[in-house]
C-alpha atoms as a PDB file:
ATOM      1  CA  UNK A   1      41.317  32.684  29.156  1.00  0.00           C
ATOM      2  CA  UNK A   2      39.341  34.517  26.485  1.00  0.00           C
ATOM      3  CA  UNK A   3      42.293  34.245  24.169  1.00  0.00           C
ATOM      4  CA  UNK A   4      42.554  30.500  24.607  1.00  0.00           C
ATOM      5  CA  UNK A   5      38.864  29.939  23.918  1.00  0.00           C
ATOM      6  CA  UNK A   6      39.033  32.341  20.949  1.00  0.00           C
ATOM      7  CA  UNK A   7      42.120  30.488  19.644  1.00  0.00           C
ATOM      8  CA  UNK A   8      40.341  27.151  20.080  1.00  0.00           C
ATOM      9  CA  UNK A   9      37.326  28.469  18.218  1.00  0.00           C
ATOM     10  CA  UNK A  10      39.516  29.683  15.348  1.00  0.00           C
ATOM     11  CA  UNK A  11      41.102  26.262  15.014  1.00  0.00           C
ATOM     12  CA  UNK A  12      37.731  24.562  15.233  1.00  0.00           C
ATOM     13  CA  UNK A  13      36.189  26.890  12.642  1.00  0.00           C
ATOM     14  CA  UNK A  14      39.130  26.257  10.286  1.00  0.00           C
ATOM     15  CA  UNK A  15      38.693  22.512  10.777  1.00  0.00           C
ATOM     16  CA  UNK A  16      34.971  22.806  10.081  1.00  0.00           C
ATOM     17  CA  UNK A  17      35.608  24.905   6.960  1.00  0.00           C
ATOM     18  CA  UNK A  18      38.189  22.414   5.715  1.00  0.00           C
ATOM     19  CA  UNK A  19      35.761  19.528   6.243  1.00  0.00           C
ATOM     20  CA  UNK A  20      33.046  21.480   4.430  1.00  0.00           C
ATOM     21  CA  UNK A  21      35.415  22.026   1.503  1.00  0.00           C
ATOM     22  CA  UNK A  22      36.241  18.304   1.392  1.00  0.00           C
ATOM     23  CA  UNK A  23      32.545  17.450   1.518  1.00  0.00           C
ATOM     24  CA  UNK A  24      31.846  20.003  -1.246  1.00  0.00           C
ATOM     25  CA  UNK A  25      34.532  18.418  -3.434  1.00  0.00           C
ATOM     26  CA  UNK A  26      33.056  14.978  -2.738  1.00  0.00           C
ATOM     27  CA  UNK A  27      29.574  16.164  -3.681  1.00  0.00           C
ATOM     28  CA  UNK A  28      30.947  17.682  -6.897  1.00  0.00           C
ATOM     29  CA  UNK A  29      32.715  14.414  -7.753  1.00  0.00           C
ATOM     30  CA  UNK A  30      29.518  12.458  -7.060  1.00  0.00           C
ATOM     31  CA  UNK A  31      27.525  14.809  -9.311  1.00  0.00           C
ATOM     32  CA  UNK A  32      30.031  14.280 -12.112  1.00  0.00           C
ATOM     33  CA  UNK A  33      29.858  10.526 -11.651  1.00  0.00           C
ATOM     34  CA  UNK A  34      26.042  10.610 -11.640  1.00  0.00           C
ATOM     35  CA  UNK A  35      26.048  12.647 -14.848  1.00  0.00           C
ATOM     36  CA  UNK A  36      28.391  10.088 -16.423  1.00  0.00           C
ATOM     37  CA  UNK A  37      26.087   7.279 -15.333  1.00  0.00           C
ATOM     38  CA  UNK A  38      23.104   9.121 -16.788  1.00  0.00           C
ATOM     39  CA  UNK A  39      24.953   9.261 -20.096  1.00  0.00           C
ATOM     40  CA  UNK A  40      25.705   5.548 -19.954  1.00  0.00           C
ATOM     41  CA  UNK A  41      22.075   4.747 -19.109  1.00  0.00           C
ATOM     42  CA  UNK A  42      20.758   6.835 -21.995  1.00  0.00           C
ATOM     43  CA  UNK A  43      23.235   5.125 -24.322  1.00  0.00           C
ATOM     44  CA  UNK A  44      22.068   1.740 -23.071  1.00  0.00           C
ATOM     45  CA  UNK A  45      18.455   2.733 -23.709  1.00  0.00           C
ATOM     46  CA  UNK A  46      19.423   3.651 -27.274  1.00  0.00           C
ATOM     47  CA  UNK A  47      21.204   0.317 -27.701  1.00  0.00           C
ATOM     48  CA  UNK A  48      18.176  -1.486 -26.308  1.00  0.00           C
ATOM     49  CA  UNK A  49      16.020   0.086 -28.999  1.00  0.00           C
ATOM     50  CA  UNK A  50      18.541  -0.967 -31.648  1.00  0.00           C
ATOM     51  CA  UNK A  51      18.673  -4.494 -30.196  1.00  0.00           C
ATOM     52  CA  UNK A  52      14.885  -4.765 -30.221  1.00  0.00           C
ATOM     53  CA  UNK A  53      14.835  -3.644 -33.858  1.00  0.00           C
ATOM     54  CA  UNK A  54      17.465  -6.252 -34.706  1.00  0.00           C
ATOM     55  CA  UNK A  55      15.452  -8.967 -32.954  1.00  0.00           C
ATOM     56  CA  UNK A  56      12.353  -7.939 -34.903  1.00  0.00           C
ATOM     57  CA  UNK A  57      14.328  -8.140 -38.163  1.00  0.00           C
ATOM     58  CA  UNK A  58      15.581 -11.619 -37.265  1.00  0.00           C
ATOM     59  CA  UNK A  59      12.023 -12.748 -36.500  1.00  0.00           C
ATOM     60  CA  UNK A  60      10.840 -11.489 -39.899  1.00  0.00           C
ATOM     61  CA  UNK A  61      13.761 -13.264 -41.609  1.00  0.00           C
ATOM     62  CA  UNK A  62      12.948 -16.516 -39.789  1.00  0.00           C
ATOM     63  CA  UNK A  63       9.292 -16.298 -40.808  1.00  0.00           C
ATOM     64  CA  UNK A  64      10.323 -15.807 -44.439  1.00  0.00           C
ATOM     65  CA  UNK A  65      12.674 -18.763 -44.205  1.00  0.00           C
ATOM     66  CA  UNK A  66       9.949 -20.911 -42.651  1.00  0.00           C
ATOM     67  CA  UNK A  67       7.721 -20.067 -45.622  1.00  0.00           C
ATOM     68  CA  UNK A  68      10.356 -21.504 -47.958  1.00  0.00           C
ATOM     69  CA  UNK A  69      11.144 -24.622 -45.967  1.00  0.00           C
ATOM     70  CA  UNK A  70      10.818 -25.960 -42.481  1.00  0.00           C
ATOM     71  CA  UNK A  71      13.471 -27.841 -40.503  1.00  0.00           C
ATOM     72  CA  UNK A  72      11.456 -31.043 -40.958  1.00  0.00           C
ATOM     73  CA  UNK A  73      11.401 -30.550 -44.720  1.00  0.00           C
ATOM     74  CA  UNK A  74      15.144 -29.936 -44.723  1.00  0.00           C
ATOM     75  CA  UNK A  75      15.690 -33.200 -42.836  1.00  0.00           C
ATOM     76  CA  UNK A  76      13.520 -35.073 -45.335  1.00  0.00           C
ATOM     77  CA  UNK A  77      15.472 -33.491 -48.191  1.00  0.00           C
ATOM     78  CA  UNK A  78      18.766 -34.619 -46.665  1.00  0.00           C
ATOM     79  CA  UNK A  79      17.441 -38.178 -46.313  1.00  0.00           C
ATOM     80  CA  UNK A  80      16.247 -38.188 -49.943  1.00  0.00           C
ATOM     81  CA  UNK A  81      19.632 -36.934 -51.164  1.00  0.00           C
ATOM     82  CA  UNK A  82      21.378 -39.733 -49.238  1.00  0.00           C
ATOM     83  CA  UNK A  83      19.031 -42.295 -50.839  1.00  0.00           C
ATOM     84  CA  UNK A  84      19.801 -40.879 -54.287  1.00  0.00           C
ATOM     85  CA  UNK A  85      23.539 -41.085 -53.606  1.00  0.00           C
ATOM     86  CA  UNK A  86      23.159 -44.747 -52.613  1.00  0.00           C
ATOM     87  CA  UNK A  87      21.090 -45.456 -55.746  1.00  0.00           C
ATOM     88  CA  UNK A  88      23.709 -43.747 -57.941  1.00  0.00           C
ATOM     89  CA  UNK A  89      26.470 -45.867 -56.406  1.00  0.00           C
ATOM     90  CA  UNK A  90      24.478 -49.078 -56.980  1.00  0.00           C
ATOM     91  CA  UNK A  91      23.545 -48.075 -60.538  1.00  0.00           C
ATOM     92  CA  UNK A  92      27.136 -47.283 -61.486  1.00  0.00           C
ATOM     93  CA  UNK A  93      28.296 -50.566 -59.955  1.00  0.00           C
ATOM     94  CA  UNK A  94      25.690 -52.581 -61.883  1.00  0.00           C
ATOM     95  CA  UNK A  95      26.573 -50.720 -65.085  1.00  0.00           C
ATOM     96  CA  UNK A  96      30.286 -51.517 -64.668  1.00  0.00           C
ATOM     97  CA  UNK A  97      29.536 -55.188 -63.949  1.00  0.00           C
ATOM     98  CA  UNK A  98      27.266 -55.454 -67.019  1.00  0.00           C
ATOM     99  CA  UNK A  99      29.863 -53.723 -69.215  1.00  0.00           C
ATOM    100  CA  UNK A 100      32.526 -56.085 -67.939  1.00  0.00           C
ATOM    101  CA  UNK A 101      30.223 -59.050 -68.625  1.00  0.00           C
ATOM    102  CA  UNK A 102      29.479 -57.894 -72.172  1.00  0.00           C
ATOM    103  CA  UNK A 103      33.165 -57.284 -72.827  1.00  0.00           C
ATOM    104  CA  UNK A 104      34.015 -60.723 -71.464  1.00  0.00           C
ATOM    105  CA  UNK A 105      31.241 -62.318 -73.582  1.00  0.00           C
ATOM    106  CA  UNK A 106      32.472 -60.582 -76.763  1.00  0.00           C
ATOM    107  CA  UNK A 107      36.062 -61.584 -76.050  1.00  0.00           C
ATOM    108  CA  UNK A 108      35.026 -65.155 -75.296  1.00  0.00           C
ATOM    109  CA  UNK A 109      32.838 -65.386 -78.437  1.00  0.00           C
ATOM    110  CA  UNK A 110      35.730 -64.237 -80.645  1.00  0.00           C
ATOM    111  CA  UNK A 111      38.001 -66.755 -78.969  1.00  0.00           C
ATOM    112  CA  UNK A 112      35.697 -69.608 -79.907  1.00  0.00           C
END
């Protein structure tokens, strides 16, 4: 009977050792994964700093642009340009009509 219990203990100890090896490998894999995640997190922190710097640069650019002109002023400028285009069209039309009238008057005066 001593042999059977000794044999059972040997099998059990081998099973326990095998499980411990599997657990050790799992712990090692988890450590590697955690180290990889630490690297990713530190990279993200670096990118966050870069992103914040970029945002600050965009804010400075916007402030400089606002000093030159505001969106309201740009809208007013667009409206004024449209008015000038309409005036140009009307002026050219009146000019052509007057030129045609003068030409017709000269032709009619020579006819008489």
